[in-house]
Amino acid sequence: MRRIAAGLAAACALSTIASGTHSADAALPPLKFGAFAADPRGNDLPVSNTKLNAEWIQLTNTTTRAINLTGYTVRDNGDNHIFRFPRNFVLGAKKTVTIRTGRGTASATNQYFGKTTQYVWNNTGDTARLVNSRGAVTHRCTYTKALSGMKYC
């Protein structure tokens, strides 16, 4: 009986290796921050909606299935700015949504914090956190001051 169990375990291990399920994709979180424009080039002042919307972060669904983001939030490091995904917002398989600081018309590809006079991300550095509907941080991306103002998470 032990030989059969050991043989089955070995066969399963070999088929797993042969099928390639141990790829880099398997290690990706289901939802992952991508590009992060925390400090766009140019002067922050005077504040305008165009300048506010030049500050953004992207969230990508790395899976092959759609994910409902009801109850998910994107937060800055101090919880001073919190974006809540709209009820029944679904991020399609392998799709990306850009969350912008200012105002605009929400869509499947663009969502907005709705700020009118203040930026979300600190120019000197900040951490974006994705928090699920149960309050657990599922992904984070830390930005530190860079000449380009960009970070790739």
C-alpha atoms as a PDB file:
ATOM      1  CA  MET A   1       0.000   0.000   0.000  1.00  0.00           C
ATOM      2  CA  ARG A   2       2.844   2.408   0.838  1.00  0.00           C
ATOM      3  CA  ARG A   3       4.496   1.695  -2.516  1.00  0.00           C
ATOM      4  CA  ILE A   4       1.281   2.615  -4.354  1.00  0.00           C
ATOM      5  CA  ALA A   5       0.908   5.865  -2.382  1.00  0.00           C
ATOM      6  CA  ALA A   6       4.571   6.750  -2.953  1.00  0.00           C
ATOM      7  CA  GLY A   7       4.228   5.960  -6.655  1.00  0.00           C
ATOM      8  CA  LEU A   8       1.138   8.155  -6.959  1.00  0.00           C
ATOM      9  CA  ALA A   9       2.851  11.027  -5.154  1.00  0.00           C
ATOM     10  CA  ALA A  10       5.878  10.775  -7.454  1.00  0.00           C
ATOM     11  CA  ALA A  11       3.662  10.657 -10.554  1.00  0.00           C
ATOM     12  CA  CYS A  12       1.732  13.718  -9.390  1.00  0.00           C
ATOM     13  CA  ALA A  13       4.955  15.610  -8.717  1.00  0.00           C
ATOM     14  CA  LEU A  14       6.305  14.758 -12.174  1.00  0.00           C
ATOM     15  CA  SER A  15       3.082  15.760 -13.914  1.00  0.00           C
ATOM     16  CA  THR A  16       3.046  19.058 -12.001  1.00  0.00           C
ATOM     17  CA  ILE A  17       6.610  19.816 -13.087  1.00  0.00           C
ATOM     18  CA  ALA A  18       5.893  18.773 -16.680  1.00  0.00           C
ATOM     19  CA  SER A  19       2.739  20.882 -16.869  1.00  0.00           C
ATOM     20  CA  GLY A  20       4.645  23.996 -15.832  1.00  0.00           C
ATOM     21  CA  THR A  21       2.345  24.987 -12.976  1.00  0.00           C
ATOM     22  CA  HIS A  22       5.375  26.173 -11.049  1.00  0.00           C
ATOM     23  CA  SER A  23       5.797  29.211 -13.280  1.00  0.00           C
ATOM     24  CA  ALA A  24       6.457  32.777 -12.177  1.00  0.00           C
ATOM     25  CA  ASP A  25       2.769  33.546 -12.808  1.00  0.00           C
ATOM     26  CA  ALA A  26       1.766  31.160 -10.028  1.00  0.00           C
ATOM     27  CA  ALA A  27       3.554  33.433  -7.543  1.00  0.00           C
ATOM     28  CA  LEU A  28       1.709  36.598  -8.628  1.00  0.00           C
ATOM     29  CA  PRO A  29      -0.988  37.909  -6.310  1.00  0.00           C
ATOM     30  CA  PRO A  30      -4.467  37.893  -7.915  1.00  0.00           C
ATOM     31  CA  LEU A  31      -4.592  41.696  -7.724  1.00  0.00           C
ATOM     32  CA  LYS A  32      -1.355  43.606  -8.164  1.00  0.00           C
ATOM     33  CA  PHE A  33      -0.375  47.253  -8.369  1.00  0.00           C
ATOM     34  CA  GLY A  34       1.483  48.087 -11.583  1.00  0.00           C
ATOM     35  CA  ALA A  35       2.653  51.507 -12.712  1.00  0.00           C
ATOM     36  CA  PHE A  36       2.490  54.220 -10.028  1.00  0.00           C
ATOM     37  CA  ALA A  37       2.719  57.912 -11.014  1.00  0.00           C
ATOM     38  CA  ALA A  38       3.089  59.349  -7.524  1.00  0.00           C
ATOM     39  CA  ASP A  39       4.919  62.566  -8.419  1.00  0.00           C
ATOM     40  CA  PRO A  40       4.263  63.613 -12.018  1.00  0.00           C
ATOM     41  CA  ARG A  41       6.750  66.027 -13.565  1.00  0.00           C
ATOM     42  CA  GLY A  42       6.052  69.715 -13.286  1.00  0.00           C
ATOM     43  CA  ASN A  43       4.911  72.056 -10.573  1.00  0.00           C
ATOM     44  CA  ASP A  44       2.043  70.865  -8.350  1.00  0.00           C
ATOM     45  CA  LEU A  45       0.711  74.425  -8.080  1.00  0.00           C
ATOM     46  CA  PRO A  46      -1.667  75.810  -8.981  1.00  0.00           C
ATOM     47  CA  VAL A  47      -3.768  72.684  -8.428  1.00  0.00           C
ATOM     48  CA  SER A  48      -5.966  71.697 -11.372  1.00  0.00           C
ATOM     49  CA  ASN A  49      -7.980  68.612 -12.230  1.00  0.00           C
ATOM     50  CA  THR A  50      -5.559  67.872 -15.079  1.00  0.00           C
ATOM     51  CA  LYS A  51      -2.611  67.920 -12.662  1.00  0.00           C
ATOM     52  CA  LEU A  52      -4.495  65.860 -10.076  1.00  0.00           C
ATOM     53  CA  ASN A  53      -5.337  63.221 -12.698  1.00  0.00           C
ATOM     54  CA  ALA A  54      -1.678  63.016 -13.750  1.00  0.00           C
ATOM     55  CA  GLU A  55      -1.183  61.340 -10.348  1.00  0.00           C
ATOM     56  CA  TRP A  56      -2.411  57.726 -10.529  1.00  0.00           C
ATOM     57  CA  ILE A  57      -1.812  54.076  -9.734  1.00  0.00           C
ATOM     58  CA  GLN A  58      -2.777  51.020 -11.765  1.00  0.00           C
ATOM     59  CA  LEU A  59      -4.285  47.815 -10.400  1.00  0.00           C
ATOM     60  CA  THR A  60      -4.130  44.639 -12.494  1.00  0.00           C
ATOM     61  CA  ASN A  61      -6.096  41.413 -12.205  1.00  0.00           C
ATOM     62  CA  THR A  62      -3.395  38.791 -12.852  1.00  0.00           C
ATOM     63  CA  THR A  63      -5.848  35.870 -12.995  1.00  0.00           C
ATOM     64  CA  THR A  64      -7.891  34.304 -15.782  1.00  0.00           C
ATOM     65  CA  ARG A  65     -11.180  35.093 -14.043  1.00  0.00           C
ATOM     66  CA  ALA A  66     -13.008  38.345 -13.293  1.00  0.00           C
ATOM     67  CA  ILE A  67     -12.803  39.648  -9.701  1.00  0.00           C
ATOM     68  CA  ASN A  68     -15.560  41.662  -7.988  1.00  0.00           C
ATOM     69  CA  LEU A  69     -13.905  44.516  -6.052  1.00  0.00           C
ATOM     70  CA  THR A  70     -16.930  45.477  -3.943  1.00  0.00           C
ATOM     71  CA  GLY A  71     -15.581  46.452  -0.516  1.00  0.00           C
ATOM     72  CA  TYR A  72     -11.967  46.843  -1.694  1.00  0.00           C
ATOM     73  CA  THR A  73     -10.112  50.088  -1.011  1.00  0.00           C
ATOM     74  CA  VAL A  74      -6.874  51.726  -2.120  1.00  0.00           C
ATOM     75  CA  ARG A  75      -5.243  53.686   0.709  1.00  0.00           C
ATOM     76  CA  ASP A  76      -2.222  55.873   1.203  1.00  0.00           C
ATOM     77  CA  ASN A  77       0.207  55.075   4.011  1.00  0.00           C
ATOM     78  CA  GLY A  78      -1.519  57.169   6.677  1.00  0.00           C
ATOM     79  CA  ASP A  79      -5.106  56.327   5.692  1.00  0.00           C
ATOM     80  CA  ASN A  80      -5.541  60.035   4.933  1.00  0.00           C
ATOM     81  CA  HIS A  81      -6.898  59.255   1.474  1.00  0.00           C
ATOM     82  CA  ILE A  82      -9.110  56.237   0.807  1.00  0.00           C
ATOM     83  CA  PHE A  83     -10.565  55.212  -2.544  1.00  0.00           C
ATOM     84  CA  ARG A  84     -13.498  52.777  -2.388  1.00  0.00           C
ATOM     85  CA  PHE A  85     -14.326  50.725  -5.442  1.00  0.00           C
ATOM     86  CA  PRO A  86     -17.968  51.165  -6.448  1.00  0.00           C
ATOM     87  CA  ARG A  87     -20.403  48.415  -5.540  1.00  0.00           C
ATOM     88  CA  ASN A  88     -20.257  45.559  -8.073  1.00  0.00           C
ATOM     89  CA  PHE A  89     -17.147  46.920  -9.808  1.00  0.00           C
ATOM     90  CA  VAL A  90     -15.700  43.916 -11.638  1.00  0.00           C
ATOM     91  CA  LEU A  91     -12.129  43.879 -12.922  1.00  0.00           C
ATOM     92  CA  GLY A  92     -11.967  41.501 -15.860  1.00  0.00           C
ATOM     93  CA  ALA A  93      -9.422  38.726 -16.260  1.00  0.00           C
ATOM     94  CA  LYS A  94      -5.951  40.112 -17.059  1.00  0.00           C
ATOM     95  CA  LYS A  95      -7.407  43.667 -17.101  1.00  0.00           C
ATOM     96  CA  THR A  96      -6.045  46.852 -15.524  1.00  0.00           C
ATOM     97  CA  VAL A  97      -7.838  49.813 -13.958  1.00  0.00           C
ATOM     98  CA  THR A  98      -6.169  53.186 -13.367  1.00  0.00           C
ATOM     99  CA  ILE A  99      -7.154  54.981 -10.149  1.00  0.00           C
ATOM    100  CA  ARG A 100      -6.634  58.733 -10.609  1.00  0.00           C
ATOM    101  CA  THR A 101      -6.484  61.398  -7.900  1.00  0.00           C
ATOM    102  CA  GLY A 102      -8.849  63.978  -9.428  1.00  0.00           C
ATOM    103  CA  ARG A 103     -12.360  63.852 -10.842  1.00  0.00           C
ATOM    104  CA  GLY A 104     -13.676  62.258 -14.016  1.00  0.00           C
ATOM    105  CA  THR A 105     -16.179  59.844 -15.493  1.00  0.00           C
ATOM    106  CA  ALA A 106     -15.674  56.423 -13.948  1.00  0.00           C
ATOM    107  CA  SER A 107     -15.343  53.474 -16.310  1.00  0.00           C
ATOM    108  CA  ALA A 108     -13.986  49.936 -16.428  1.00  0.00           C
ATOM    109  CA  THR A 109     -10.508  51.364 -17.105  1.00  0.00           C
ATOM    110  CA  ASN A 110     -10.490  54.584 -15.030  1.00  0.00           C
ATOM    111  CA  GLN A 111     -11.675  55.276 -11.499  1.00  0.00           C
ATOM    112  CA  TYR A 112     -11.259  58.493  -9.478  1.00  0.00           C
ATOM    113  CA  PHE A 113     -10.543  59.483  -5.878  1.00  0.00           C
ATOM    114  CA  GLY A 114     -12.573  62.640  -6.604  1.00  0.00           C
ATOM    115  CA  LYS A 115     -10.098  65.099  -5.066  1.00  0.00           C
ATOM    116  CA  THR A 116     -10.463  68.753  -6.044  1.00  0.00           C
ATOM    117  CA  THR A 117      -7.742  70.579  -4.094  1.00  0.00           C
ATOM    118  CA  GLN A 118      -5.249  68.050  -2.757  1.00  0.00           C
ATOM    119  CA  TYR A 119      -2.986  65.321  -4.012  1.00  0.00           C
ATOM    120  CA  VAL A 120      -3.151  61.781  -2.598  1.00  0.00           C
ATOM    121  CA  TRP A 121       0.449  60.598  -2.861  1.00  0.00           C
ATOM    122  CA  ASN A 122       3.304  62.381  -1.062  1.00  0.00           C
ATOM    123  CA  ASN A 123       6.034  63.561  -3.444  1.00  0.00           C
ATOM    124  CA  THR A 124       8.780  62.457  -1.053  1.00  0.00           C
ATOM    125  CA  GLY A 125       7.463  58.907  -0.714  1.00  0.00           C
ATOM    126  CA  ASP A 126       4.331  56.983   0.165  1.00  0.00           C
ATOM    127  CA  THR A 127       2.870  53.479   0.212  1.00  0.00           C
ATOM    128  CA  ALA A 128      -0.236  52.437  -1.698  1.00  0.00           C
ATOM    129  CA  ARG A 129      -2.141  49.612  -0.035  1.00  0.00           C
ATOM    130  CA  LEU A 130      -4.900  47.461  -1.494  1.00  0.00           C
ATOM    131  CA  VAL A 131      -7.256  46.386   1.279  1.00  0.00           C
ATOM    132  CA  ASN A 132      -9.883  43.699   0.694  1.00  0.00           C
ATOM    133  CA  SER A 133     -13.464  43.675   1.995  1.00  0.00           C
ATOM    134  CA  ARG A 134     -12.324  41.898   5.196  1.00  0.00           C
ATOM    135  CA  GLY A 135      -9.776  44.628   5.996  1.00  0.00           C
ATOM    136  CA  ALA A 136      -6.655  42.643   5.058  1.00  0.00           C
ATOM    137  CA  VAL A 137      -3.883  44.279   3.032  1.00  0.00           C
ATOM    138  CA  THR A 138      -3.534  42.113  -0.082  1.00  0.00           C
ATOM    139  CA  HIS A 139      -0.892  44.129  -1.938  1.00  0.00           C
ATOM    140  CA  ARG A 140       1.271  47.175  -1.369  1.00  0.00           C
ATOM    141  CA  CYS A 141       3.633  49.331  -3.374  1.00  0.00           C
ATOM    142  CA  THR A 142       6.068  51.784  -1.812  1.00  0.00           C
ATOM    143  CA  TYR A 143       7.210  54.817  -3.754  1.00  0.00           C
ATOM    144  CA  THR A 144      10.369  56.710  -2.846  1.00  0.00           C
ATOM    145  CA  LYS A 145      11.414  59.961  -4.463  1.00  0.00           C
ATOM    146  CA  ALA A 146      12.669  59.351  -8.011  1.00  0.00           C
ATOM    147  CA  LEU A 147      13.562  61.716 -10.830  1.00  0.00           C
ATOM    148  CA  SER A 148      10.925  60.195 -13.100  1.00  0.00           C
ATOM    149  CA  GLY A 149       8.163  60.382 -10.482  1.00  0.00           C
ATOM    150  CA  MET A 150       7.238  56.811 -11.466  1.00  0.00           C
ATOM    151  CA  LYS A 151       7.409  53.456  -9.734  1.00  0.00           C
ATOM    152  CA  TYR A 152       6.710  50.030 -11.203  1.00  0.00           C
ATOM    153  CA  CYS A 153       5.413  47.724  -8.507  1.00  0.00           C
END
